[in-house]
Amino acid sequence: ANQQTKITAKFRRAHPNEFDERRGVERCPVVSVQMPPTPDQHRFYSALLFELGAPHNAAAGLASLERLARDILKRMSPQMLIVDEVHHLLAGTYREQRASLNLLKYLANDLQISMVLVGTRDAVLALQTDPQMVSRYRPFEIPRWRESDSLRRLLAAFERVLPLRKPSDLSRREIVQYVLEASGGLTGAISTILNDAAELSIRNGDEFIGISHLERVAREHA
């Protein structure tokens, strides 16, 4: 999920807000919001308004927050709404799940924009309770790395850019297998482990990444 959230954030940075001087409003091509830890409509709209930079009273009624969020979204004319952590739907009761799914369908239909739902595999389970959601959203899974020439090239590329004075030979099998196991094959986790290991190596004066560095940072992240 962390890798998916990072991808979402990177996509959001690539599509920044723009000020429309003619209309005097800020255009927001991509809006991104996280589903609350429990599928609560009130908290969802409050989080959405926060992401939109809209001052509001979080204690206001659901209808007021919904109306304000819709009005602002229509003025900002986004082309896409990204809802992250959709698997949080499963933390609620069946009634809460249905209400939140209806909320997402309502927003997509009302605003006539593309909606992208992001989450773990459990997110697919959450959507399968609604036939309309199943037909509307096609699952796309981020593949995990496996031991391969492509992964070895990735680790070799990391070695070229890490600020270490001595060679680490990150593409050797021992390193590849350990990084793969510690990261679960996720690109974001691989990057974090290697960067943390490089930082540890520099602090220790070693200036290269070995298994001992990787083991130590992996324990710290466990």
Protein backbone atom coordinates (compact mmCIF):
# COMPACT_ATOMS: atom_id res chain seq x y z
CA ALA A 1 0.00 0.00 0.00
CA ASN A 2 2.90 2.33 0.78
CA GLN A 3 4.24 1.93 -2.76
CA GLN A 4 0.80 2.68 -4.22
CA THR A 5 0.50 5.81 -2.08
CA LYS A 6 3.92 7.00 -3.26
CA ILE A 7 2.88 6.48 -6.88
CA THR A 8 -0.29 8.46 -6.22
CA ALA A 9 1.71 11.30 -4.66
CA LYS A 10 4.14 11.35 -7.59
CA PHE A 11 1.25 11.48 -10.08
CA ARG A 12 -0.32 14.31 -8.10
CA ARG A 13 2.96 16.30 -8.16
CA ALA A 14 3.15 15.82 -11.93
CA HIS A 15 -0.26 17.51 -12.30
CA PRO A 16 -0.09 20.63 -10.09
CA ASN A 17 -2.88 23.15 -9.60
CA GLU A 18 -3.12 26.10 -11.97
CA PHE A 19 -4.79 29.48 -11.47
CA ASP A 20 -7.31 30.39 -14.15
CA GLU A 21 -6.96 34.18 -14.31
CA ARG A 22 -9.89 34.58 -16.69
CA ARG A 23 -12.33 32.84 -14.35
CA GLY A 24 -10.51 33.84 -11.16
CA VAL A 25 -10.47 30.28 -9.80
CA GLU A 26 -7.82 27.69 -9.12
CA ARG A 27 -7.91 24.71 -11.47
CA CYS A 28 -7.07 21.40 -9.88
CA PRO A 29 -6.58 18.70 -12.53
CA VAL A 30 -6.09 15.88 -10.00
CA VAL A 31 -7.61 15.63 -6.52
CA SER A 32 -6.33 12.93 -4.18
CA VAL A 33 -7.91 11.93 -0.88
CA GLN A 34 -7.56 8.97 1.48
CA MET A 35 -10.46 6.84 2.62
CA PRO A 36 -10.68 7.22 6.43
CA PRO A 37 -9.59 4.23 8.57
CA THR A 38 -13.29 3.43 8.94
CA PRO A 39 -15.73 4.12 6.07
CA ASP A 40 -17.32 7.21 7.59
CA GLN A 41 -18.93 9.61 5.08
CA HIS A 42 -18.57 12.63 7.37
CA ARG A 43 -14.82 12.04 7.82
CA PHE A 44 -14.42 11.41 4.08
CA TYR A 45 -15.92 14.76 3.11
CA SER A 46 -13.95 16.54 5.83
CA ALA A 47 -10.73 14.95 4.52
CA LEU A 48 -11.67 15.90 0.95
CA LEU A 49 -12.26 19.53 1.93
CA PHE A 50 -8.92 19.58 3.74
CA GLU A 51 -7.17 18.33 0.56
CA LEU A 52 -8.98 21.05 -1.40
CA GLY A 53 -7.67 23.67 1.03
CA ALA A 54 -11.23 24.67 1.90
CA PRO A 55 -11.84 26.15 5.38
CA HIS A 56 -14.74 24.34 7.00
CA ASN A 57 -16.23 23.36 10.32
CA ALA A 58 -15.46 19.67 10.77
CA ALA A 59 -18.35 19.47 13.22
CA ALA A 60 -20.86 20.60 10.57
CA GLY A 61 -23.52 18.18 9.41
CA LEU A 62 -22.89 15.66 6.65
CA ALA A 63 -25.24 17.42 4.21
CA SER A 64 -23.41 20.73 4.65
CA LEU A 65 -19.97 19.19 4.12
CA GLU A 66 -21.20 17.26 1.08
CA ARG A 67 -22.73 20.38 -0.50
CA LEU A 68 -19.60 22.45 0.13
CA ALA A 69 -17.30 19.74 -1.28
CA ARG A 70 -19.44 19.37 -4.43
CA ASP A 71 -19.59 23.13 -5.01
CA ILE A 72 -15.82 23.53 -4.68
CA LEU A 73 -15.07 20.52 -6.87
CA LYS A 74 -17.36 21.85 -9.60
CA ARG A 75 -15.61 25.22 -9.52
CA MET A 76 -12.13 23.66 -9.59
CA SER A 77 -13.15 21.31 -12.43
CA PRO A 78 -10.83 18.38 -11.71
CA GLN A 79 -10.36 15.75 -14.38
CA MET A 80 -9.60 12.97 -11.92
CA LEU A 81 -10.38 12.07 -8.33
CA ILE A 82 -8.04 9.54 -6.70
CA VAL A 83 -9.29 7.77 -3.58
CA ASP A 84 -6.44 6.01 -1.76
CA GLU A 85 -6.66 3.32 0.94
CA VAL A 86 -9.97 2.02 -0.44
CA HIS A 87 -9.46 -1.26 1.42
CA HIS A 88 -10.42 0.65 4.58
CA LEU A 89 -14.00 0.09 3.42
CA LEU A 90 -13.77 -3.41 4.87
CA ALA A 91 -13.24 -2.00 8.37
CA GLY A 92 -16.87 -0.93 8.53
CA THR A 93 -20.19 -2.72 8.79
CA TYR A 94 -22.00 -3.86 5.67
CA ARG A 95 -24.26 -0.80 5.87
CA GLU A 96 -21.25 1.54 6.19
CA GLN A 97 -19.55 -0.14 3.23
CA ARG A 98 -22.67 0.27 1.08
CA ALA A 99 -23.03 3.92 2.08
CA SER A 100 -19.40 4.69 1.18
CA LEU A 101 -19.63 2.86 -2.15
CA ASN A 102 -22.77 4.85 -2.96
CA LEU A 103 -20.87 8.02 -2.03
CA LEU A 104 -18.09 7.19 -4.52
CA LYS A 105 -20.59 6.38 -7.28
CA TYR A 106 -22.51 9.57 -6.57
CA LEU A 107 -19.39 11.75 -6.77
CA ALA A 108 -18.25 10.13 -10.02
CA ASN A 109 -21.67 10.59 -11.62
CA ASP A 110 -22.33 14.06 -10.21
CA LEU A 111 -18.95 15.50 -11.20
CA GLN A 112 -18.63 13.52 -14.44
CA ILE A 113 -14.93 12.89 -13.82
CA SER A 114 -12.63 9.87 -13.88
CA MET A 115 -12.19 8.21 -10.52
CA VAL A 116 -9.24 6.00 -9.59
CA LEU A 117 -9.49 3.78 -6.51
CA VAL A 118 -6.20 2.71 -4.93
CA GLY A 119 -5.56 0.12 -2.25
CA THR A 120 -4.38 -3.35 -1.38
CA ARG A 121 -5.87 -6.53 -2.83
CA ASP A 122 -8.59 -6.28 -0.20
CA ALA A 123 -9.84 -3.22 -2.09
CA VAL A 124 -11.06 -5.56 -4.84
CA LEU A 125 -13.05 -7.50 -2.24
CA ALA A 126 -14.62 -4.27 -1.02
CA LEU A 127 -15.75 -3.36 -4.55
CA GLN A 128 -17.08 -6.81 -5.42
CA THR A 129 -20.07 -6.29 -3.14
CA ASP A 130 -21.48 -3.83 -5.70
CA PRO A 131 -22.13 -5.02 -9.30
CA GLN A 132 -21.95 -1.44 -10.64
CA MET A 133 -18.51 -0.94 -9.09
CA VAL A 134 -17.29 -4.24 -10.53
CA SER A 135 -18.39 -3.26 -14.04
CA ARG A 136 -17.04 0.29 -13.72
CA TYR A 137 -13.57 -0.39 -12.29
CA ARG A 138 -11.09 -2.81 -13.80
CA PRO A 139 -8.46 -4.01 -11.30
CA PHE A 140 -4.83 -3.25 -12.13
CA GLU A 141 -2.21 -4.80 -9.87
CA ILE A 142 1.27 -3.36 -9.40
CA PRO A 143 3.60 -6.30 -10.07
CA ARG A 144 6.21 -7.24 -7.49
CA TRP A 145 9.84 -7.80 -8.43
CA ARG A 146 11.22 -11.32 -8.62
CA GLU A 147 14.77 -12.55 -9.01
CA SER A 148 15.63 -11.69 -12.60
CA ASP A 149 18.04 -9.80 -14.83
CA SER A 150 15.69 -6.81 -14.62
CA LEU A 151 16.00 -6.72 -10.83
CA ARG A 152 19.78 -7.07 -11.03
CA ARG A 153 19.88 -4.14 -13.45
CA LEU A 154 17.72 -2.12 -11.05
CA LEU A 155 20.10 -2.76 -8.15
CA ALA A 156 23.11 -1.98 -10.33
CA ALA A 157 21.45 1.32 -11.27
CA PHE A 158 20.96 2.11 -7.58
CA GLU A 159 24.64 1.42 -6.95
CA ARG A 160 25.65 3.91 -9.64
CA VAL A 161 23.71 6.75 -7.99
CA LEU A 162 24.34 6.01 -4.30
CA PRO A 163 27.09 8.30 -2.89
CA LEU A 164 29.44 5.51 -1.76
CA ARG A 165 33.18 5.51 -2.36
CA LYS A 166 33.63 1.73 -2.56
CA PRO A 167 31.90 -0.84 -4.79
CA SER A 168 29.06 -2.84 -3.24
CA ASP A 169 28.25 -5.19 -6.15
CA LEU A 170 24.55 -4.95 -5.37
CA SER A 171 23.67 -7.15 -8.33
CA ARG A 172 25.37 -10.24 -6.87
CA ARG A 173 22.99 -13.06 -6.00
CA GLU A 174 23.41 -12.89 -2.21
CA ILE A 175 22.43 -9.22 -2.16
CA VAL A 176 19.63 -9.65 -4.70
CA GLN A 177 18.00 -12.46 -2.74
CA TYR A 178 18.24 -10.63 0.57
CA VAL A 179 16.84 -7.35 -0.80
CA LEU A 180 14.03 -9.27 -2.51
CA GLU A 181 13.08 -11.05 0.72
CA ALA A 182 13.34 -7.92 2.91
CA SER A 183 11.35 -5.71 0.52
CA GLY A 184 8.68 -8.16 -0.51
CA GLY A 185 9.51 -7.21 -4.09
CA LEU A 186 8.11 -3.68 -3.76
CA THR A 187 10.03 -0.91 -5.53
CA GLY A 188 9.42 1.63 -2.77
CA ALA A 189 10.67 -0.76 -0.09
CA ILE A 190 13.77 -1.61 -2.15
CA SER A 191 14.57 2.08 -2.48
CA THR A 192 14.09 2.70 1.26
CA ILE A 193 16.25 -0.27 2.28
CA LEU A 194 19.11 0.65 -0.04
CA ASN A 195 19.07 4.34 0.88
CA ASP A 196 18.98 3.56 4.60
CA ALA A 197 21.78 1.00 4.19
CA ALA A 198 23.88 3.55 2.31
CA GLU A 199 23.31 6.14 5.03
CA LEU A 200 24.32 3.62 7.71
CA SER A 201 27.43 2.66 5.75
CA ILE A 202 28.50 6.30 5.40
CA ARG A 203 27.95 6.97 9.12
CA ASN A 204 30.08 3.91 9.97
CA GLY A 205 32.82 4.95 7.54
CA ASP A 206 32.44 1.74 5.53
CA GLU A 207 31.46 3.43 2.25
CA PHE A 208 29.91 0.27 0.75
CA ILE A 209 26.73 -1.77 1.28
CA GLY A 210 27.09 -5.31 2.57
CA ILE A 211 24.69 -7.89 3.98
CA SER A 212 25.32 -6.62 7.53
CA HIS A 213 24.09 -3.13 6.59
CA LEU A 214 20.99 -4.54 4.92
CA GLU A 215 20.22 -6.80 7.87
CA ARG A 216 20.46 -3.92 10.32
CA VAL A 217 18.15 -1.57 8.42
CA ALA A 218 15.71 -4.43 7.74
CA ARG A 219 15.50 -5.08 11.51
CA GLU A 220 14.81 -1.39 12.12
CA HIS A 221 11.93 -1.46 9.61
CA ALA A 222 10.49 -4.74 10.92
